[in-house]
C-alpha cells in the first residue's frame, strides 16, 4: 500500500488470547530518515495515514531533536568519564 509516496503494509497479528487481527506497518526508510526508529505499527489504516502525515509535517522538528539528542549524549559521556 502507498500513501503520499510512502509504503506501508498490512500485517496479521494475534493478541495474548490468540485472537487474530490486522495491523498496519511502515518501515519506509525515506519517511523515517530523521527519527530513531526503523518501523512503526498502527491499529487502523486511518491512524497509519495520520502518522505518515505527522512525520511528513515535522521533519525539521525531528532533525533538531536528533541534534539535541546527540549533543546531550556527548555531554553526558564527557562528564561521566571525567
C-alpha atoms as a PDB file:
ATOM      1  CA  UNK A   1       0.000   0.000   0.000  1.00  0.00           C
ATOM      2  CA  UNK A   2       1.145   3.524  -0.641  1.00  0.00           C
ATOM      3  CA  UNK A   3       0.194   6.902   0.846  1.00  0.00           C
ATOM      4  CA  UNK A   4       1.766  10.195  -0.287  1.00  0.00           C
ATOM      5  CA  UNK A   5       4.678   8.293  -1.792  1.00  0.00           C
ATOM      6  CA  UNK A   6       5.457   6.221   1.327  1.00  0.00           C
ATOM      7  CA  UNK A   7       4.896   2.494   1.606  1.00  0.00           C
ATOM      8  CA  UNK A   8       3.201   0.547   4.381  1.00  0.00           C
ATOM      9  CA  UNK A   9       1.658  -2.908   4.582  1.00  0.00           C
ATOM     10  CA  UNK A  10      -0.991  -4.922   6.374  1.00  0.00           C
ATOM     11  CA  UNK A  11       0.347  -7.466   8.843  1.00  0.00           C
ATOM     12  CA  UNK A  12      -1.564 -10.257  10.607  1.00  0.00           C
ATOM     13  CA  UNK A  13      -1.179 -10.277  14.408  1.00  0.00           C
ATOM     14  CA  UNK A  14      -2.519 -12.234  17.391  1.00  0.00           C
ATOM     15  CA  UNK A  15      -3.272 -10.894  20.837  1.00  0.00           C
ATOM     16  CA  UNK A  16      -2.401 -12.670  24.077  1.00  0.00           C
ATOM     17  CA  UNK A  17      -5.634 -14.697  23.865  1.00  0.00           C
ATOM     18  CA  UNK A  18      -4.919 -15.877  20.327  1.00  0.00           C
ATOM     19  CA  UNK A  19      -7.437 -13.602  18.604  1.00  0.00           C
ATOM     20  CA  UNK A  20      -6.354 -12.648  15.104  1.00  0.00           C
ATOM     21  CA  UNK A  21      -6.309  -9.056  13.898  1.00  0.00           C
ATOM     22  CA  UNK A  22      -4.777  -6.894  11.218  1.00  0.00           C
ATOM     23  CA  UNK A  23      -2.370  -4.039  11.848  1.00  0.00           C
ATOM     24  CA  UNK A  24      -0.504  -1.732   9.526  1.00  0.00           C
ATOM     25  CA  UNK A  25       3.287  -1.446   9.494  1.00  0.00           C
ATOM     26  CA  UNK A  26       5.501   1.177   7.905  1.00  0.00           C
ATOM     27  CA  UNK A  27       9.262   0.822   7.528  1.00  0.00           C
ATOM     28  CA  UNK A  28       9.820   3.290   4.689  1.00  0.00           C
ATOM     29  CA  UNK A  29      13.416   4.491   5.059  1.00  0.00           C
ATOM     30  CA  UNK A  30      12.779   7.836   3.381  1.00  0.00           C
ATOM     31  CA  UNK A  31       9.933   8.642   5.772  1.00  0.00           C
ATOM     32  CA  UNK A  32      11.846   7.560   8.884  1.00  0.00           C
ATOM     33  CA  UNK A  33      15.175   9.094   7.884  1.00  0.00           C
ATOM     34  CA  UNK A  34      15.122  11.698  10.669  1.00  0.00           C
ATOM     35  CA  UNK A  35      13.770   9.602  13.539  1.00  0.00           C
ATOM     36  CA  UNK A  36      15.394   6.907  15.661  1.00  0.00           C
ATOM     37  CA  UNK A  37      13.105   4.097  14.612  1.00  0.00           C
ATOM     38  CA  UNK A  38      13.157   1.721  11.695  1.00  0.00           C
ATOM     39  CA  UNK A  39       9.436   0.896  11.631  1.00  0.00           C
ATOM     40  CA  UNK A  40       6.155   1.543  13.402  1.00  0.00           C
ATOM     41  CA  UNK A  41       2.713  -0.033  13.523  1.00  0.00           C
ATOM     42  CA  UNK A  42      -0.829   1.285  13.851  1.00  0.00           C
ATOM     43  CA  UNK A  43      -4.127  -0.485  14.513  1.00  0.00           C
ATOM     44  CA  UNK A  44      -6.042   1.191  11.688  1.00  0.00           C
ATOM     45  CA  UNK A  45      -5.269   2.470   8.222  1.00  0.00           C
ATOM     46  CA  UNK A  46      -6.600   5.894   9.239  1.00  0.00           C
ATOM     47  CA  UNK A  47      -4.094   6.089  12.108  1.00  0.00           C
ATOM     48  CA  UNK A  48      -1.305   4.948   9.792  1.00  0.00           C
ATOM     49  CA  UNK A  49      -2.093   7.775   7.394  1.00  0.00           C
ATOM     50  CA  UNK A  50      -2.223  10.245  10.305  1.00  0.00           C
ATOM     51  CA  UNK A  51       1.206   9.057  11.483  1.00  0.00           C
ATOM     52  CA  UNK A  52       2.662   9.393   7.982  1.00  0.00           C
ATOM     53  CA  UNK A  53       1.241  12.930   7.793  1.00  0.00           C
ATOM     54  CA  UNK A  54       2.821  13.676  11.184  1.00  0.00           C
ATOM     55  CA  UNK A  55       6.275  12.529  10.061  1.00  0.00           C
ATOM     56  CA  UNK A  56       5.967  14.488   6.809  1.00  0.00           C
ATOM     57  CA  UNK A  57       4.906  17.655   8.631  1.00  0.00           C
ATOM     58  CA  UNK A  58       7.527  17.501  11.386  1.00  0.00           C
ATOM     59  CA  UNK A  59      10.766  16.819   9.526  1.00  0.00           C
ATOM     60  CA  UNK A  60      12.516  19.951  10.836  1.00  0.00           C
ATOM     61  CA  UNK A  61      11.445  19.219  14.408  1.00  0.00           C
ATOM     62  CA  UNK A  62      12.896  15.707  14.232  1.00  0.00           C
ATOM     63  CA  UNK A  63      16.109  16.965  12.642  1.00  0.00           C
ATOM     64  CA  UNK A  64      16.547  19.403  15.539  1.00  0.00           C
ATOM     65  CA  UNK A  65      15.652  16.725  18.061  1.00  0.00           C
ATOM     66  CA  UNK A  66      18.292  14.403  16.635  1.00  0.00           C
ATOM     67  CA  UNK A  67      20.965  17.121  17.001  1.00  0.00           C
ATOM     68  CA  UNK A  68      19.814  17.875  20.545  1.00  0.00           C
ATOM     69  CA  UNK A  69      19.896  14.194  21.468  1.00  0.00           C
ATOM     70  CA  UNK A  70      23.404  13.871  20.018  1.00  0.00           C
ATOM     71  CA  UNK A  71      24.662  16.892  21.973  1.00  0.00           C
ATOM     72  CA  UNK A  72      23.075  15.659  25.220  1.00  0.00           C
ATOM     73  CA  UNK A  73      24.627  12.220  24.781  1.00  0.00           C
ATOM     74  CA  UNK A  74      28.017  13.744  24.012  1.00  0.00           C
ATOM     75  CA  UNK A  75      27.834  15.963  27.117  1.00  0.00           C
ATOM     76  CA  UNK A  76      26.754  13.041  29.299  1.00  0.00           C
ATOM     77  CA  UNK A  77      29.575  10.820  28.104  1.00  0.00           C
ATOM     78  CA  UNK A  78      32.179  13.573  28.517  1.00  0.00           C
ATOM     79  CA  UNK A  79      31.130  14.387  32.085  1.00  0.00           C
ATOM     80  CA  UNK A  80      30.577  10.771  33.119  1.00  0.00           C
ATOM     81  CA  UNK A  81      34.180   9.801  32.474  1.00  0.00           C
ATOM     82  CA  UNK A  82      35.913  12.993  33.593  1.00  0.00           C
END
